[in-house]
Amino acid sequence: MSNGDYKKHHKPTKKSRYSQGYYKIINPDKYHGDITQIIYRSSYEYKFCRYCDLTEGVIKWASEPFSVKYFDPVNKKARNYHIDFYIRVKLEGSDKEIDYLVEVKPKSKLIRPIFKAKQKTVKNMTNYNNALEEFLIIQAKKEAAERYAMDIGYKFILITEEFLYKNEK
């Protein structure tokens, strides 16, 4: 299932503006990899770890199992993108299993920002530029992950807070 020598060199940090840490697993037999290295980098990723760990239909999962190359359109260079999760799901009422690569993002980050012309302050313009750059990078990562998933016979999905709160464990 792994795509090479990717190791989790980027440890969770307390200096992030997002909640980060190591998830303490309840069902270790479902996890593919080192159960002491289940990293979450946001509260949404933590909720997704719980979902994977506690949902019967998720039969295997892993955090940050793949590193995919993509072209960063903002900084104009090739980079590596570490896909958030891998899950294998057994379809309800069937023997069929599907493999997914999963990215967890707030829904607001998936919508192209709109510049409001009447707010032409330096701060608002900077905020808009930062949001646009983040959106463009997320789209480039998404396209690379979709291609990679298709190449290895998986599906790529984006999970937002809507799914996480609807399926909260």
Protein backbone atom coordinates (compact mmCIF):
# COMPACT_ATOMS: atom_id res chain seq x y z
CA MET A 1 0.00 0.00 0.00
CA SER A 2 2.90 2.40 0.52
CA ASN A 3 4.48 4.40 -2.27
CA GLY A 4 8.10 4.23 -1.22
CA ASP A 5 10.26 5.60 1.51
CA TYR A 6 7.96 8.32 2.84
CA LYS A 7 8.49 8.64 6.56
CA LYS A 8 6.62 10.94 8.89
CA HIS A 9 9.39 13.48 9.39
CA HIS A 10 6.99 16.34 10.07
CA LYS A 11 6.01 15.74 13.66
CA PRO A 12 2.95 17.43 15.17
CA THR A 13 3.76 20.80 16.68
CA LYS A 14 2.25 22.82 19.49
CA LYS A 15 3.16 26.05 17.65
CA SER A 16 0.55 25.44 14.93
CA ARG A 17 -2.69 27.40 14.89
CA TYR A 18 -4.39 24.00 14.45
CA SER A 19 -4.81 21.21 17.00
CA GLN A 20 -2.12 18.60 16.31
CA GLY A 21 -0.98 15.42 17.96
CA TYR A 22 -0.84 11.65 17.92
CA TYR A 23 -4.12 9.79 17.85
CA LYS A 24 -4.50 7.07 20.51
CA ILE A 25 -6.07 4.16 18.68
CA ILE A 26 -8.86 1.99 20.08
CA ASN A 27 -8.88 -0.72 17.36
CA PRO A 28 -5.21 -1.28 16.44
CA ASP A 29 -5.97 -4.25 14.15
CA LYS A 30 -7.60 -1.88 11.64
CA TYR A 31 -4.60 0.44 11.38
CA HIS A 32 -2.00 -0.10 8.66
CA GLY A 33 1.33 1.13 9.99
CA ASP A 34 2.92 2.13 13.28
CA ILE A 35 0.12 2.78 15.79
CA THR A 36 2.39 5.18 17.71
CA GLN A 37 2.68 7.42 14.63
CA ILE A 38 -0.97 8.17 13.84
CA ILE A 39 -0.70 11.90 13.23
CA TYR A 40 -3.54 14.38 13.08
CA ARG A 41 -2.86 17.99 12.08
CA SER A 42 -6.25 19.57 12.84
CA SER A 43 -9.35 18.94 14.91
CA TYR A 44 -11.05 17.77 11.70
CA GLU A 45 -8.31 15.20 11.10
CA TYR A 46 -8.69 14.05 14.72
CA LYS A 47 -12.43 13.54 14.11
CA PHE A 48 -11.63 11.60 10.96
CA CYS A 49 -9.21 9.35 12.89
CA ARG A 50 -12.04 8.58 15.34
CA TYR A 51 -14.39 7.90 12.46
CA CYS A 52 -11.94 5.44 10.88
CA ASP A 53 -11.11 3.80 14.20
CA LEU A 54 -14.73 3.37 15.35
CA THR A 55 -16.67 2.80 12.13
CA GLU A 56 -17.26 -0.87 11.37
CA GLY A 57 -17.33 -0.34 7.59
CA VAL A 58 -13.78 1.04 7.63
CA ILE A 59 -11.73 -2.15 7.60
CA LYS A 60 -8.24 -0.64 7.17
CA TRP A 61 -6.83 2.86 7.44
CA ALA A 62 -3.58 4.83 7.72
CA SER A 63 -2.54 8.44 8.31
CA GLU A 64 -0.22 10.18 5.83
CA PRO A 65 0.67 6.97 3.98
CA PHE A 66 1.54 8.49 0.60
CA SER A 67 3.72 11.27 -0.70
CA VAL A 68 2.70 12.61 -4.11
CA LYS A 69 4.60 15.07 -6.28
CA TYR A 70 2.70 18.15 -7.45
CA PHE A 71 3.53 21.48 -9.03
CA ASP A 72 3.02 24.43 -6.68
CA PRO A 73 1.47 27.13 -8.92
CA VAL A 74 2.18 29.93 -6.46
CA ASN A 75 5.88 29.31 -5.83
CA LYS A 76 6.44 27.77 -9.28
CA LYS A 77 8.19 24.61 -8.13
CA ALA A 78 7.71 20.89 -7.68
CA ARG A 79 6.84 19.82 -4.15
CA ASN A 80 5.70 16.77 -2.23
CA TYR A 81 2.19 16.53 -0.88
CA HIS A 82 1.44 14.09 1.93
CA ILE A 83 -2.09 12.78 1.48
CA ASP A 84 -3.92 12.86 4.83
CA PHE A 85 -5.36 9.33 4.94
CA TYR A 86 -5.89 6.02 3.25
CA ILE A 87 -9.03 3.98 4.02
CA ARG A 88 -10.43 0.69 2.80
CA VAL A 89 -14.21 0.57 3.12
CA LYS A 90 -16.45 -2.47 2.90
CA LEU A 91 -19.70 -1.56 1.20
CA GLU A 92 -22.72 -2.23 3.38
CA GLY A 93 -24.58 -5.39 2.40
CA SER A 94 -21.81 -6.47 0.02
CA ASP A 95 -18.43 -8.16 -0.05
CA LYS A 96 -17.06 -5.33 -2.20
CA GLU A 97 -14.21 -3.21 -0.79
CA ILE A 98 -13.08 0.19 -2.06
CA ASP A 99 -9.75 1.93 -1.39
CA TYR A 100 -9.76 5.70 -0.94
CA LEU A 101 -7.15 8.39 -0.56
CA VAL A 102 -8.63 11.06 1.66
CA GLU A 103 -7.91 14.74 2.18
CA VAL A 104 -9.60 16.47 5.12
CA LYS A 105 -10.27 20.19 4.65
CA PRO A 106 -12.68 22.84 5.88
CA LYS A 107 -15.31 23.44 3.22
CA SER A 108 -14.38 27.14 3.14
CA LYS A 109 -10.89 26.24 1.82
CA LEU A 110 -12.40 24.49 -1.21
CA ILE A 111 -14.25 27.56 -2.48
CA ARG A 112 -12.39 30.13 -4.57
CA PRO A 113 -12.24 33.36 -2.56
CA ILE A 114 -14.04 36.40 -3.90
CA PHE A 115 -12.48 39.83 -3.63
CA LYS A 116 -14.92 42.42 -2.36
CA ALA A 117 -14.02 45.61 -4.25
CA LYS A 118 -15.38 47.95 -1.58
CA GLN A 119 -12.89 46.56 0.98
CA LYS A 120 -9.67 47.86 -0.58
CA THR A 121 -7.59 48.05 2.56
CA VAL A 122 -4.07 46.61 2.59
CA LYS A 123 -5.14 44.07 5.22
CA ASN A 124 -8.15 42.91 3.17
CA MET A 125 -6.10 42.70 -0.03
CA THR A 126 -3.41 40.69 1.78
CA ASN A 127 -6.02 38.35 3.28
CA TYR A 128 -7.58 37.86 -0.15
CA ASN A 129 -4.18 37.16 -1.78
CA ASN A 130 -3.28 34.65 0.95
CA ALA A 131 -6.65 32.89 0.63
CA LEU A 132 -6.33 32.76 -3.17
CA GLU A 133 -2.80 31.33 -2.98
CA GLU A 134 -3.95 28.69 -0.49
CA PHE A 135 -6.92 27.80 -2.72
CA LEU A 136 -4.68 27.43 -5.80
CA ILE A 137 -2.23 25.18 -3.94
CA ILE A 138 -5.06 23.03 -2.58
CA GLN A 139 -6.44 22.64 -6.12
CA ALA A 140 -3.01 21.60 -7.45
CA LYS A 141 -2.64 19.04 -4.65
CA LYS A 142 -6.15 17.74 -5.30
CA GLU A 143 -5.45 17.25 -9.02
CA ALA A 144 -2.18 15.42 -8.26
CA ALA A 145 -3.89 13.19 -5.69
CA GLU A 146 -6.74 12.38 -8.10
CA ARG A 147 -4.25 11.34 -10.80
CA TYR A 148 -2.22 9.28 -8.33
CA ALA A 149 -5.31 7.55 -6.92
CA MET A 150 -6.51 6.68 -10.40
CA ASP A 151 -3.06 5.33 -11.34
CA ILE A 152 -3.07 2.90 -8.39
CA GLY A 153 -6.74 1.92 -8.70
CA TYR A 154 -8.03 3.94 -5.73
CA LYS A 155 -10.55 6.77 -5.48
CA PHE A 156 -9.74 10.21 -4.10
CA ILE A 157 -12.21 12.04 -1.87
CA LEU A 158 -12.30 15.30 0.04
CA ILE A 159 -13.88 15.18 3.49
CA THR A 160 -15.24 18.38 5.07
CA GLU A 161 -16.81 19.29 8.39
CA GLU A 162 -20.24 18.42 6.96
CA PHE A 163 -19.30 14.73 6.79
CA LEU A 164 -17.37 14.81 10.06
CA TYR A 165 -20.18 16.30 12.16
CA LYS A 166 -22.81 14.12 10.50
CA ASN A 167 -20.74 11.00 11.29
CA GLU A 168 -19.26 12.09 14.63
CA LYS A 169 -18.31 9.20 16.90
